Protein backbone atom coordinates (compact mmCIF):
# COMPACT_ATOMS: atom_id res chain seq x y z
CA MET A 1 -26.55 115.37 -88.09
CA ASN A 2 -27.18 113.29 -84.84
CA PHE A 3 -25.05 113.03 -81.80
CA ASN A 4 -23.97 109.41 -82.80
CA ARG A 5 -23.21 110.28 -86.38
CA ARG A 6 -20.83 113.39 -84.91
CA LEU A 7 -19.22 110.72 -82.46
CA LEU A 8 -18.37 108.63 -85.39
CA PHE A 9 -17.09 111.37 -87.67
CA ALA A 10 -15.03 113.28 -84.88
CA ALA A 11 -13.23 109.57 -83.68
CA PHE A 12 -12.58 109.22 -87.65
CA ALA A 13 -11.34 112.59 -88.57
CA GLY A 14 -7.74 110.64 -88.98
CA ALA A 15 -7.21 107.05 -88.53
CA SER A 16 -4.55 107.48 -85.92
CA ALA A 17 -6.92 109.62 -83.58
CA GLY A 18 -9.76 107.41 -84.16
CA ALA A 19 -7.37 104.41 -82.62
CA ALA A 20 -6.36 106.64 -80.01
CA THR A 21 -9.72 107.69 -78.55
CA PRO A 22 -10.31 104.55 -75.60
CA ALA A 23 -6.68 105.12 -74.54
CA LEU A 24 -6.87 108.74 -74.34
CA ALA A 25 -10.04 108.16 -72.31
CA ARG A 26 -8.95 105.44 -69.99
CA GLU A 27 -5.86 107.95 -69.23
CA SER A 28 -8.12 110.80 -68.59
CA GLY A 29 -10.16 109.14 -65.81
CA ALA A 30 -13.19 108.93 -68.14
CA ALA A 31 -13.25 104.99 -68.55
CA SER A 32 -15.48 104.36 -65.88
CA ALA A 33 -18.16 106.66 -67.23
CA PRO A 34 -21.11 105.47 -69.50
CA ARG A 35 -20.44 104.61 -73.08
CA ALA A 36 -21.82 106.48 -75.91
CA ASP A 37 -23.81 104.68 -78.24
CA ILE A 38 -23.86 104.22 -81.95
CA ASP A 39 -26.68 102.90 -83.96
CA ALA A 40 -25.87 99.70 -86.19
CA ALA A 41 -28.54 101.14 -88.90
CA SER A 42 -26.35 104.37 -89.05
CA LEU A 43 -23.44 102.07 -90.18
CA GLY A 44 -25.34 99.94 -92.56
CA VAL A 45 -26.77 97.43 -90.71
CA ARG A 46 -30.23 96.10 -91.33
CA PRO A 47 -32.43 94.22 -89.50
CA ASP A 48 -34.33 90.95 -91.09
CA GLU A 49 -31.85 90.91 -94.16
CA GLU A 50 -31.90 87.84 -95.60
CA ALA A 51 -28.32 87.88 -96.74
CA ASP A 52 -25.03 87.48 -94.62
CA GLN A 53 -23.74 90.47 -93.05
CA SER A 54 -20.58 89.90 -91.58
CA ALA A 55 -18.65 92.38 -93.84
CA VAL A 56 -20.90 95.32 -92.58
CA LEU A 57 -21.27 94.05 -89.03
CA GLN A 58 -17.54 93.51 -88.88
CA ARG A 59 -16.93 97.25 -90.13
CA ALA A 60 -19.55 98.41 -87.41
CA VAL A 61 -17.65 96.22 -84.24
CA GLU A 62 -14.19 98.00 -85.37
CA ARG A 63 -15.83 101.46 -85.54
CA ALA A 64 -17.65 101.76 -82.44
CA ALA A 65 -14.89 99.85 -80.64
CA ALA A 66 -12.35 102.47 -81.95
CA ALA A 67 -14.92 105.34 -80.97
CA GLY A 68 -14.89 103.87 -77.46
CA ALA A 69 -18.97 103.32 -78.03
CA VAL A 70 -21.63 100.74 -77.49
CA LEU A 71 -22.66 99.34 -81.11
CA ARG A 72 -26.56 98.85 -80.70
CA LEU A 73 -28.35 96.64 -82.63
CA PRO A 74 -32.27 97.10 -82.89
CA PRO A 75 -34.75 94.35 -82.69
CA GLY A 76 -34.26 91.46 -85.30
CA SER A 77 -32.53 88.81 -87.29
CA TYR A 78 -28.58 89.55 -88.49
CA ARG A 79 -27.13 86.48 -90.19
CA ALA A 80 -23.43 86.68 -89.78
CA SER A 81 -20.31 84.42 -89.18
CA GLY A 82 -16.63 84.65 -87.99
CA LEU A 83 -16.81 88.11 -86.39
CA GLN A 84 -13.80 89.45 -84.94
CA LEU A 85 -13.95 91.49 -81.62
CA PRO A 86 -10.85 94.27 -80.96
CA SER A 87 -10.53 95.70 -77.73
CA TYR A 88 -13.27 97.66 -76.36
CA ALA A 89 -15.89 95.87 -78.97
CA ALA A 90 -19.18 96.53 -76.98
CA ILE A 91 -22.37 94.63 -78.69
CA ALA A 92 -25.52 95.44 -76.93
CA GLY A 93 -29.41 94.38 -78.44
CA VAL A 94 -32.65 94.15 -77.23
CA ALA A 95 -33.10 90.96 -74.71
CA GLY A 96 -34.89 88.33 -76.20
CA ALA A 97 -35.52 90.27 -79.75
CA THR A 98 -32.13 90.77 -81.14
CA ARG A 99 -30.87 87.54 -82.77
CA ILE A 100 -27.34 87.17 -84.84
CA THR A 101 -27.42 83.49 -86.18
CA LEU A 102 -24.19 81.78 -87.32
CA ALA A 103 -24.11 81.35 -91.06
CA GLY A 104 -21.44 79.09 -91.34
CA GLY A 105 -17.78 78.47 -90.09
CA SER A 106 -16.12 77.78 -86.80
CA SER A 107 -17.60 80.86 -84.53
CA LEU A 108 -19.96 83.38 -84.47
CA LEU A 109 -17.88 85.89 -82.45
CA SER A 110 -14.22 85.60 -81.12
CA SER A 111 -11.36 87.35 -80.27
CA GLY A 112 -7.52 87.26 -79.39
CA GLY A 113 -5.88 89.36 -76.98
CA SER A 114 -8.85 91.62 -77.09
CA ASP A 115 -9.65 93.30 -73.71
CA ARG A 116 -12.97 95.32 -72.08
CA ILE A 117 -15.19 93.23 -74.90
CA SER A 118 -18.90 93.35 -73.74
CA LEU A 119 -21.73 91.60 -75.25
CA SER A 120 -25.44 92.27 -73.46
CA GLY A 121 -29.10 91.27 -74.70
CA LEU A 122 -27.99 89.09 -77.67
CA VAL A 123 -29.60 85.86 -78.99
CA LEU A 124 -26.92 83.96 -80.58
CA ASP A 125 -28.12 81.18 -82.62
CA GLY A 126 -25.75 78.47 -84.04
CA ALA A 127 -28.42 77.23 -86.13
CA ASN A 128 -27.28 73.90 -85.46
CA ASN A 129 -24.44 74.17 -87.61
CA VAL A 130 -21.90 71.38 -86.44
CA LEU A 131 -18.71 73.22 -84.68
CA PRO A 132 -15.11 71.86 -85.21
CA ASP A 133 -13.91 70.15 -81.89
CA GLY A 134 -12.27 72.75 -79.38
CA ALA A 135 -14.43 75.67 -81.05
CA GLY A 136 -17.41 77.49 -79.72
CA LEU A 137 -20.24 79.69 -80.78
CA VAL A 138 -18.47 82.52 -78.63
CA HIS A 139 -14.99 81.88 -78.34
CA LEU A 140 -12.77 84.34 -76.74
CA LYS A 141 -8.98 84.59 -76.10
CA GLN A 142 -6.61 86.22 -73.62
CA GLY A 143 -8.48 88.96 -72.64
CA ARG A 144 -9.16 91.44 -69.37
CA ASP A 145 -12.41 92.92 -68.23
CA VAL A 146 -14.51 90.55 -70.54
CA ARG A 147 -18.24 90.75 -69.93
CA ILE A 148 -21.01 88.69 -71.27
CA ARG A 149 -24.35 89.44 -69.54
CA ASP A 150 -28.10 88.84 -70.55
CA CYS A 151 -27.42 86.64 -73.91
CA GLU A 152 -29.04 83.57 -74.91
CA VAL A 153 -26.95 81.10 -76.32
CA VAL A 154 -29.10 78.55 -78.58
CA ASN A 155 -29.18 75.88 -81.31
CA VAL A 156 -25.26 75.20 -81.00
CA GLY A 157 -23.78 72.32 -82.43
CA GLY A 158 -20.95 72.13 -80.31
CA ASN A 159 -19.67 74.39 -77.58
CA GLY A 160 -21.65 77.28 -76.50
CA ILE A 161 -19.31 80.00 -74.71
CA MET A 162 -15.47 79.16 -74.72
CA LEU A 163 -13.16 81.43 -73.16
CA ASP A 164 -9.70 80.66 -72.87
CA ALA A 165 -7.38 82.80 -70.46
CA ILE A 166 -10.05 85.32 -69.82
CA ALA A 167 -10.79 87.96 -66.78
CA GLY A 168 -14.33 88.89 -66.15
CA ASP A 169 -17.81 87.89 -65.67
CA VAL A 170 -20.39 85.78 -67.87
CA THR A 171 -23.72 86.64 -65.74
CA GLY A 172 -27.49 86.22 -66.39
CA ASN A 173 -27.01 84.26 -69.39
CA SER A 174 -29.36 81.44 -70.60
CA VAL A 175 -27.24 78.37 -72.92
CA ILE A 176 -29.79 75.80 -73.98
CA GLY A 177 -29.22 72.81 -75.93
CA ALA A 178 -25.23 73.09 -76.44
CA ALA A 179 -24.26 69.87 -78.01
CA GLY A 180 -20.89 70.33 -76.13
CA TYR A 181 -20.01 72.08 -73.03
CA ALA A 182 -22.29 75.31 -72.35
CA ILE A 183 -19.68 77.10 -70.84
CA PHE A 184 -15.93 76.32 -70.63
CA SER A 185 -13.26 78.45 -69.28
CA ASN A 186 -9.40 77.30 -69.42
CA ASP A 187 -6.72 78.80 -67.81
CA ALA A 188 -8.61 81.58 -66.36
CA GLY A 189 -7.20 84.97 -64.99
CA GLY A 190 -9.90 85.80 -62.89
CA LEU A 191 -13.62 84.93 -63.83
CA ARG A 192 -17.17 85.12 -62.17
CA ILE A 193 -19.74 82.68 -63.49
CA ASP A 194 -22.62 83.90 -62.10
CA GLY A 195 -26.74 83.67 -62.19
CA ASN A 196 -26.60 81.76 -65.59
CA THR A 197 -28.94 79.20 -66.82
CA VAL A 198 -27.66 76.09 -68.64
CA ARG A 199 -30.08 73.19 -69.73
CA ALA A 200 -29.61 70.05 -71.84
CA SER A 201 -25.68 69.96 -72.79
CA GLY A 202 -24.99 67.59 -74.47
CA ASN A 203 -21.73 66.86 -72.25
CA ASN A 204 -20.58 68.78 -69.44
CA GLY A 205 -22.58 71.82 -68.28
CA ILE A 206 -20.16 74.49 -66.77
CA ALA A 207 -16.22 73.59 -67.09
CA VAL A 208 -13.45 75.38 -65.09
CA TRP A 209 -10.15 73.52 -66.66
CA ARG A 210 -6.41 74.49 -66.62
CA GLY A 211 -3.91 73.01 -68.58
CA ALA A 212 -1.80 72.69 -65.96
CA PRO A 213 -2.22 72.68 -61.94
CA GLY A 214 -2.52 76.05 -60.63
CA ASP A 215 -3.90 79.05 -59.32
CA ASP A 216 -7.63 79.87 -60.97
CA GLY A 217 -10.03 81.39 -58.44
CA THR A 218 -12.76 81.12 -60.85
CA LEU A 219 -16.03 81.60 -59.04
CA VAL A 220 -19.06 79.40 -59.97
CA ILE A 221 -22.17 81.03 -58.14
CA ASP A 222 -25.88 80.94 -58.17
CA ASN A 223 -26.38 79.55 -61.44
CA ARG A 224 -28.92 76.83 -62.71
CA VAL A 225 -28.00 73.77 -64.28
CA GLU A 226 -30.11 71.52 -65.70
CA ASP A 227 -30.58 67.86 -67.64
CA THR A 228 -26.78 67.38 -68.38
CA LYS A 229 -26.28 64.60 -70.91
CA ASN A 230 -23.15 62.27 -71.73
CA LEU A 231 -22.91 62.05 -75.36
CA SER A 232 -19.43 61.22 -75.59
CA GLY A 233 -19.87 58.35 -73.37
CA GLY A 234 -16.72 57.63 -70.84
CA THR A 235 -17.07 56.82 -66.79
CA GLY A 236 -17.37 60.40 -65.72
CA GLN A 237 -15.49 62.71 -67.93
CA TRP A 238 -18.52 63.89 -69.29
CA GLY A 239 -22.01 64.16 -67.77
CA ASN A 240 -21.41 66.72 -64.97
CA ALA A 241 -23.51 69.60 -64.42
CA ILE A 242 -20.34 71.27 -63.05
CA ASN A 243 -16.46 70.03 -63.85
CA VAL A 244 -13.55 71.55 -62.47
CA PHE A 245 -10.20 70.14 -63.59
CA ARG A 246 -6.62 71.18 -62.67
CA ALA A 247 -7.99 74.39 -61.27
CA ASP A 248 -7.05 75.47 -57.55
CA ASN A 249 -8.87 77.85 -55.17
CA VAL A 250 -12.16 77.69 -57.28
CA ILE A 251 -15.84 78.07 -55.35
CA VAL A 252 -18.86 76.53 -56.56
CA ARG A 253 -21.53 78.03 -54.34
CA GLY A 254 -25.39 78.25 -54.55
CA ASN A 255 -26.02 76.47 -57.72
CA ARG A 256 -29.33 74.55 -58.19
CA ILE A 257 -28.32 71.62 -60.24
CA ARG A 258 -31.06 68.93 -61.41
CA ASN A 259 -30.44 65.83 -63.42
CA ALA A 260 -27.15 64.85 -64.73
CA ALA A 261 -26.21 61.71 -66.39
CA TYR A 262 -23.07 61.65 -63.69
CA SER A 263 -22.32 64.49 -60.87
CA ALA A 264 -23.69 67.78 -59.74
CA VAL A 265 -19.97 68.68 -59.30
CA ARG A 266 -16.70 66.84 -60.14
CA GLY A 267 -13.50 68.07 -58.95
CA ASN A 268 -10.31 66.53 -60.79
CA MET A 269 -6.80 67.32 -59.53
CA ALA A 270 -8.70 70.58 -58.14
CA SER A 271 -6.98 71.96 -54.90
CA ASN A 272 -8.66 74.09 -52.41
CA LEU A 273 -12.09 73.34 -53.96
CA GLN A 274 -15.05 74.82 -52.20
CA ILE A 275 -18.54 73.16 -52.94
CA VAL A 276 -20.75 75.00 -50.67
CA GLY A 277 -24.85 75.56 -50.34
CA ASN A 278 -25.54 73.92 -53.46
CA THR A 279 -28.78 71.87 -54.11
CA CYS A 280 -28.75 68.59 -56.20
CA SER A 281 -31.15 66.34 -57.16
CA GLY A 282 -31.70 63.60 -59.60
CA LEU A 283 -28.01 62.52 -60.34
CA GLY A 284 -26.99 59.28 -62.46
CA GLU A 285 -23.77 58.38 -60.12
CA THR A 286 -21.83 60.63 -57.52
CA ALA A 287 -23.42 63.70 -56.58
CA VAL A 288 -20.46 65.33 -55.39
CA ILE A 289 -16.78 63.95 -55.78
CA VAL A 290 -13.49 65.57 -55.56
CA GLU A 291 -10.68 63.02 -56.91
CA PHE A 292 -7.20 62.73 -57.97
CA GLY A 293 -4.24 64.34 -56.85
CA PHE A 294 -5.90 67.36 -54.94
CA GLN A 295 -4.86 68.60 -51.53
CA GLY A 296 -7.52 70.59 -49.80
CA ALA A 297 -11.37 70.62 -50.26
CA VAL A 298 -14.44 72.11 -48.31
CA ILE A 299 -17.85 70.31 -48.95
CA ALA A 300 -20.24 71.95 -46.86
CA SER A 301 -24.01 72.80 -46.40
CA ASN A 302 -25.03 71.04 -49.63
CA ILE A 303 -28.64 69.59 -50.00
CA ILE A 304 -28.12 65.97 -52.14
CA ASP A 305 -31.57 64.37 -52.98
CA GLY A 306 -31.21 61.28 -55.24
CA ALA A 307 -28.21 59.79 -56.28
CA ALA A 308 -26.35 56.68 -56.37
CA VAL A 309 -23.65 58.17 -54.07
CA GLY A 310 -23.77 61.55 -52.04
CA ILE A 311 -19.93 62.92 -51.45
CA ALA A 312 -16.91 61.13 -52.46
CA ILE A 313 -13.51 62.36 -51.27
CA THR A 314 -11.11 59.87 -52.96
CA ASN A 315 -8.11 58.67 -54.56
CA PHE A 316 -5.62 58.97 -51.74
CA ALA A 317 -3.12 56.37 -53.36
CA ASP A 318 -2.96 59.21 -56.15
CA GLY A 319 -2.52 61.97 -53.62
CA GLY A 320 -5.97 63.05 -52.78
CA ARG A 321 -6.21 64.23 -49.24
CA LEU A 322 -7.45 66.81 -47.07
CA ALA A 323 -10.79 67.70 -46.55
CA VAL A 324 -13.47 68.84 -44.40
CA VAL A 325 -17.11 67.46 -45.08
CA GLN A 326 -19.59 69.37 -42.80
CA GLY A 327 -23.54 70.06 -42.40
CA ASN A 328 -24.39 68.46 -45.76
CA LEU A 329 -28.19 66.91 -45.95
CA ILE A 330 -28.23 63.80 -48.28
CA ARG A 331 -31.06 61.68 -48.79
CA ASN A 332 -32.51 59.03 -51.12
CA LEU A 333 -29.83 57.13 -52.67
CA VAL A 334 -30.04 54.06 -54.52
CA ARG A 335 -28.04 51.50 -55.91
CA GLY A 336 -27.32 51.86 -59.63
CA ARG A 337 -25.11 53.26 -62.42
CA PRO A 338 -25.64 56.10 -65.38
CA ALA A 339 -28.15 54.99 -67.71
CA GLY A 340 -25.86 52.99 -70.69
CA GLU A 341 -22.88 52.43 -68.63
CA ASP A 342 -22.01 48.71 -68.70
CA GLN A 343 -20.92 47.99 -65.23
CA ASN A 344 -22.36 46.24 -62.18
CA ASN A 345 -24.45 48.31 -59.86
CA ILE A 346 -22.05 50.32 -57.44
CA ASP A 347 -23.42 50.16 -53.54
CA ALA A 348 -25.00 53.23 -52.61
CA PHE A 349 -23.29 55.29 -50.00
CA GLY A 350 -23.71 58.67 -48.21
CA ILE A 351 -20.33 59.91 -47.59
CA SER A 352 -16.91 58.03 -48.60
CA VAL A 353 -13.36 59.64 -47.09
CA GLU A 354 -10.08 58.38 -47.18
CA ALA A 355 -7.44 60.76 -45.97
CA ASP A 356 -6.84 63.64 -43.51
CA THR A 357 -10.68 64.32 -43.17
CA THR A 358 -13.43 65.19 -40.93
CA VAL A 359 -16.68 64.39 -41.39
CA THR A 360 -18.98 66.28 -38.93
CA GLY A 361 -22.32 67.75 -38.79
CA ASN A 362 -24.15 65.71 -41.75
CA VAL A 363 -27.46 64.71 -41.75
CA LEU A 364 -27.89 61.21 -44.07
CA ASP A 365 -31.02 59.40 -44.78
CA ASN A 366 -32.50 56.58 -46.50
CA ILE A 367 -29.78 55.13 -48.51
CA GLU A 368 -29.48 51.73 -49.87
CA GLY A 369 -26.35 50.99 -48.59
CA THR A 370 -23.83 52.77 -46.41
CA GLY A 371 -24.10 55.81 -44.82
CA ILE A 372 -20.58 57.26 -43.99
CA ARG A 373 -17.55 55.12 -45.38
CA ALA A 374 -14.17 55.70 -43.91
CA GLY A 375 -11.24 54.36 -46.21
CA TYR A 376 -11.00 51.51 -48.88
CA GLY A 377 -8.78 48.59 -48.29
CA PRO A 378 -5.78 50.12 -46.70
CA TYR A 379 -6.45 53.73 -48.19
CA LEU A 380 -7.37 55.17 -44.92
CA ARG A 381 -5.50 57.88 -42.60
CA ASP A 382 -6.44 60.26 -39.87
CA VAL A 383 -10.36 60.53 -40.48
CA THR A 384 -12.54 61.71 -37.84
CA ILE A 385 -16.38 60.66 -37.86
CA SER A 386 -18.18 62.84 -35.45
CA SER A 387 -21.72 64.33 -34.53
CA ASN A 388 -23.54 63.19 -37.51
CA VAL A 389 -27.25 61.77 -37.86
CA VAL A 390 -27.66 58.72 -39.81
CA ARG A 391 -31.03 57.03 -40.60
CA GLY A 392 -32.36 54.09 -42.51
CA THR A 393 -29.31 52.42 -44.11
CA ASP A 394 -27.74 49.08 -44.68
CA ARG A 395 -24.65 49.97 -42.79
CA GLY A 396 -24.76 53.16 -40.33
CA ILE A 397 -20.78 53.65 -40.77
CA ALA A 398 -18.52 51.57 -42.31
CA VAL A 399 -14.30 51.49 -41.46
CA SER A 400 -11.78 49.74 -43.35
CA VAL A 401 -9.57 47.36 -40.88
CA VAL A 402 -7.42 46.02 -43.73
CA SER A 403 -4.08 45.60 -42.67
CA GLY A 404 -2.07 48.61 -43.16
CA SER A 405 -5.06 51.07 -42.82
CA GLY A 406 -4.82 53.86 -40.63
CA THR A 407 -6.27 56.01 -37.69
CA ALA A 408 -10.06 56.77 -37.55
CA VAL A 409 -11.88 58.25 -34.88
CA ILE A 410 -15.79 57.74 -35.09
CA ALA A 411 -17.58 59.36 -31.81
CA ASP A 412 -20.73 60.89 -30.60
CA ASN A 413 -22.91 60.05 -33.68
CA LEU A 414 -26.35 59.26 -33.96
CA ILE A 415 -27.30 55.96 -35.78
CA SER A 416 -30.83 55.14 -36.45
CA ASP A 417 -32.60 52.05 -38.24
CA ALA A 418 -29.10 50.59 -39.54
CA ARG A 419 -30.10 47.19 -40.89
CA SER A 420 -26.87 45.48 -40.75
CA GLY A 421 -25.07 46.91 -38.07
CA ALA A 422 -24.52 50.43 -37.00
CA ILE A 423 -20.63 50.71 -37.00
CA VAL A 424 -18.76 47.79 -38.81
CA GLY A 425 -15.22 46.92 -40.11
CA MET A 426 -14.71 45.98 -43.98
CA GLU A 427 -12.22 44.62 -45.83
CA TRP A 428 -12.68 46.29 -49.08
CA GLU A 429 -16.34 45.16 -49.89
CA LYS A 430 -16.83 42.44 -47.36
CA THR A 431 -17.93 42.91 -43.71
CA VAL A 432 -15.69 41.05 -41.28
CA THR A 433 -16.81 42.56 -37.75
CA GLY A 434 -19.61 42.29 -35.70
CA ASP A 435 -21.21 45.61 -34.72
CA LEU A 436 -18.55 47.84 -33.32
CA SER A 437 -20.75 50.13 -31.84
CA LYS A 438 -21.47 47.36 -29.24
CA ASP A 439 -18.22 45.69 -29.02
CA GLY A 440 -15.68 48.23 -29.13
CA ALA A 441 -12.34 48.62 -31.52
CA GLY A 442 -11.14 45.36 -29.63
CA GLN A 443 -8.17 44.38 -31.92
CA TYR A 444 -8.40 47.45 -34.04
CA ALA A 445 -5.71 49.51 -32.15
CA GLN A 446 -5.88 52.26 -34.87
CA LEU A 447 -9.66 53.08 -34.41
CA SER A 448 -11.30 55.06 -31.59
CA ILE A 449 -14.90 54.24 -31.16
CA GLY A 450 -17.18 55.90 -28.47
CA GLY A 451 -20.09 58.01 -27.39
CA ASN A 452 -22.48 57.25 -30.49
CA ARG A 453 -25.79 56.69 -29.91
CA VAL A 454 -27.48 53.76 -31.52
CA ARG A 455 -31.47 52.78 -31.62
């Protein structure tokens, strides 16, 4: 009798003893030790069988979990559906060689209230079966210490990885061609989405949402997100590489984002959002947008190359306020709309802000419109624009001078080759002043303009 079989028999000498094993290990301090392995073949699971192996796989998962062991799936293909993961379920395969294919139903792997789940080294294949709305090929709910690592999620006719009230990490996975969302988290309890490759998602790539605004704290870091489509239409709800909705204290850092129908990063009603050090190119509309009812955002050290709008901090009318926009490099922006959107092209601009915001140390180059825009109509309050380099624009810096607009300081910027004026006053979309870099603030007592270098 081999070690794995002795372990299994010992765990199931009695049903109550088997169920207690993981808890006893944790209480004795052994939970941090490496888990033992159980070969799935010893439990009747066979690779490359044509038959649906859901029942035998389910039994194997439950037995290994009860023993606190890792269920090892040898290389090969396995057909299954509706597998339920209990606490301590751990399934490991050989990366790229162990494939579980959906045989039908609404999900391949799911859980509810299970902690310490681990999935690694698996190819999870949706077989292009259309999944119900709100379902995911992997769909985990209400669990702690969940780990999904080094897996490939492919051929998904819906959402790839769906997480509801999950704490843990999703690391080093590839989610390719999901018809809906690639990775979707709702009401996270402490989640890290790190080092994944997401490509050709049908709607949003990585989404971090909450049912109501509140602390979330998810880390979305060092992922590669490419070719995000917008199959559901709309005007920006979908088609975003990374989407944060109602989730506060989220950090989006160090991601490489390329070719999204709308935005690289879109934050909606998400306070204390940090968008830092991302490299973004080929965006159909606004590269980085923070909008609607947020308080607090830091957008810093990003590279944006190719979009209609670089960075937009907007919707002061709906409570959006309080931001830092610092040290970003923004270039090659052109007027346009995402493909298929039936509206007039929007004017290109590098940075647009409205309320309680500082814009400092950014470099903007080659913009078919305005470099930096402060306010829109009366929606302007307490904005500082300083020490930026603005080159190759129509208007260098535009500031709203509509009656009722608030205070702005525009100082110590270098503005070069602004074809229609270095600093101009705007009433909505219309330029209504000469070049304020030459004429001064004049009648606009709410403006302070000085120390700018224009050439």
